[in-house]
Amino acid sequence: MTDYQLVKFLLNKEYVLQKDLSDKLNEYLGKNTKPANFSAKLKREYLTFKDLKAICDILGYDLIIEKRVGK
C-alpha cells in the first residue's frame, strides 16, 4: 500500500475530507500549506515520516513499526 492509498483509506474510514486534514495538519505542524499543494504531495507520494506520523495522530491512529517474525 502506498502512502497515498493509506491516507485515502484512513480519510474514508474516518469520514474526513482531504481539505480538512490539510487544515488540521497545518495547525498541527505550524505550517501554511495550501490544500492543493498537500494534494499534490500526496499524489506524488512525497510525504515525510513526520507528515505521516502527524496524519496518523490527527486521525487517531498509532504508527507502529514492528520487526517481522521469521525474517
C-alpha atoms as a PDB file:
ATOM      1  CA  MET A   1       0.000   0.000   0.000  1.00  0.00           C
ATOM      2  CA  THR A   2       1.395   3.407  -0.946  1.00  0.00           C
ATOM      3  CA  ASP A   3       1.345   6.493   1.279  1.00  0.00           C
ATOM      4  CA  TYR A   4      -1.404   7.922  -0.906  1.00  0.00           C
ATOM      5  CA  GLN A   5      -3.541   4.788  -0.637  1.00  0.00           C
ATOM      6  CA  LEU A   6      -3.022   4.608   3.123  1.00  0.00           C
ATOM      7  CA  VAL A   7      -4.027   8.227   3.716  1.00  0.00           C
ATOM      8  CA  LYS A   8      -7.054   7.945   1.405  1.00  0.00           C
ATOM      9  CA  PHE A   9      -8.104   4.732   3.205  1.00  0.00           C
ATOM     10  CA  LEU A  10      -7.863   6.429   6.613  1.00  0.00           C
ATOM     11  CA  LEU A  11      -9.733   9.516   5.377  1.00  0.00           C
ATOM     12  CA  ASN A  12     -12.568   7.369   4.030  1.00  0.00           C
ATOM     13  CA  LYS A  13     -12.667   5.260   7.182  1.00  0.00           C
ATOM     14  CA  GLU A  14     -12.892   8.348   9.413  1.00  0.00           C
ATOM     15  CA  TYR A  15     -15.199  10.342   7.105  1.00  0.00           C
ATOM     16  CA  VAL A  16     -12.704  13.206   6.915  1.00  0.00           C
ATOM     17  CA  LEU A  17     -12.225  15.375   3.831  1.00  0.00           C
ATOM     18  CA  GLN A  18      -8.728  15.795   2.449  1.00  0.00           C
ATOM     19  CA  LYS A  19      -9.068  19.601   2.756  1.00  0.00           C
ATOM     20  CA  ASP A  20      -9.986  19.261   6.435  1.00  0.00           C
ATOM     21  CA  LEU A  21      -6.975  17.021   7.016  1.00  0.00           C
ATOM     22  CA  SER A  22      -4.774  19.568   5.265  1.00  0.00           C
ATOM     23  CA  ASP A  23      -6.084  22.339   7.539  1.00  0.00           C
ATOM     24  CA  LYS A  24      -5.572  20.219  10.670  1.00  0.00           C
ATOM     25  CA  LEU A  25      -2.090  19.210   9.520  1.00  0.00           C
ATOM     26  CA  ASN A  26      -1.150  22.875   9.024  1.00  0.00           C
ATOM     27  CA  GLU A  27      -2.329  23.667  12.532  1.00  0.00           C
ATOM     28  CA  TYR A  28      -0.586  20.600  13.995  1.00  0.00           C
ATOM     29  CA  LEU A  29       2.757  21.307  12.284  1.00  0.00           C
ATOM     30  CA  GLY A  30       2.539  25.098  12.369  1.00  0.00           C
ATOM     31  CA  LYS A  31       2.712  25.372   8.578  1.00  0.00           C
ATOM     32  CA  ASN A  32       0.660  27.165   5.954  1.00  0.00           C
ATOM     33  CA  THR A  33       0.435  24.659   3.095  1.00  0.00           C
ATOM     34  CA  LYS A  34      -2.443  25.124   0.655  1.00  0.00           C
ATOM     35  CA  PRO A  35      -4.810  22.158   0.224  1.00  0.00           C
ATOM     36  CA  ALA A  36      -3.813  21.865  -3.471  1.00  0.00           C
ATOM     37  CA  ASN A  37      -0.149  21.557  -2.504  1.00  0.00           C
ATOM     38  CA  PHE A  38      -1.000  18.927   0.101  1.00  0.00           C
ATOM     39  CA  SER A  39      -2.989  17.011  -2.505  1.00  0.00           C
ATOM     40  CA  ALA A  40      -0.077  17.126  -4.962  1.00  0.00           C
ATOM     41  CA  LYS A  41       2.308  15.981  -2.229  1.00  0.00           C
ATOM     42  CA  LEU A  42       0.050  13.003  -1.541  1.00  0.00           C
ATOM     43  CA  LYS A  43      -0.289  12.055  -5.201  1.00  0.00           C
ATOM     44  CA  ARG A  44       3.491  12.289  -5.762  1.00  0.00           C
ATOM     45  CA  GLU A  45       3.946  10.140  -2.631  1.00  0.00           C
ATOM     46  CA  TYR A  46       6.249  12.768  -1.196  1.00  0.00           C
ATOM     47  CA  LEU A  47       5.159  12.530   2.445  1.00  0.00           C
ATOM     48  CA  THR A  48       7.839  12.635   5.084  1.00  0.00           C
ATOM     49  CA  PHE A  49       7.773  10.313   8.055  1.00  0.00           C
ATOM     50  CA  LYS A  50       6.942  13.362  10.177  1.00  0.00           C
ATOM     51  CA  ASP A  51       3.929  14.129   7.937  1.00  0.00           C
ATOM     52  CA  LEU A  52       2.687  10.547   8.029  1.00  0.00           C
ATOM     53  CA  LYS A  53       3.106  10.376  11.806  1.00  0.00           C
ATOM     54  CA  ALA A  54       1.199  13.662  12.224  1.00  0.00           C
ATOM     55  CA  ILE A  55      -1.604  12.464   9.920  1.00  0.00           C
ATOM     56  CA  CYS A  56      -1.981   9.272  11.935  1.00  0.00           C
ATOM     57  CA  ASP A  57      -2.017  11.253  15.179  1.00  0.00           C
ATOM     58  CA  ILE A  58      -4.636  13.695  13.864  1.00  0.00           C
ATOM     59  CA  LEU A  59      -6.871  10.840  12.728  1.00  0.00           C
ATOM     60  CA  GLY A  60      -6.414   8.934  15.999  1.00  0.00           C
ATOM     61  CA  TYR A  61      -4.103   6.155  14.828  1.00  0.00           C
ATOM     62  CA  ASP A  62      -0.733   4.910  16.048  1.00  0.00           C
ATOM     63  CA  LEU A  63       2.075   4.398  13.589  1.00  0.00           C
ATOM     64  CA  ILE A  64       3.793   1.219  14.724  1.00  0.00           C
ATOM     65  CA  ILE A  65       6.898  -0.344  13.240  1.00  0.00           C
ATOM     66  CA  GLU A  66       7.468  -3.976  14.122  1.00  0.00           C
ATOM     67  CA  LYS A  67      10.089  -6.471  13.113  1.00  0.00           C
ATOM     68  CA  ARG A  68       8.568  -9.296  11.097  1.00  0.00           C
ATOM     69  CA  VAL A  69       8.653 -12.698  12.731  1.00  0.00           C
ATOM     70  CA  GLY A  70      10.694 -15.247  10.836  1.00  0.00           C
ATOM     71  CA  LYS A  71      12.635 -12.820   8.665  1.00  0.00           C
END
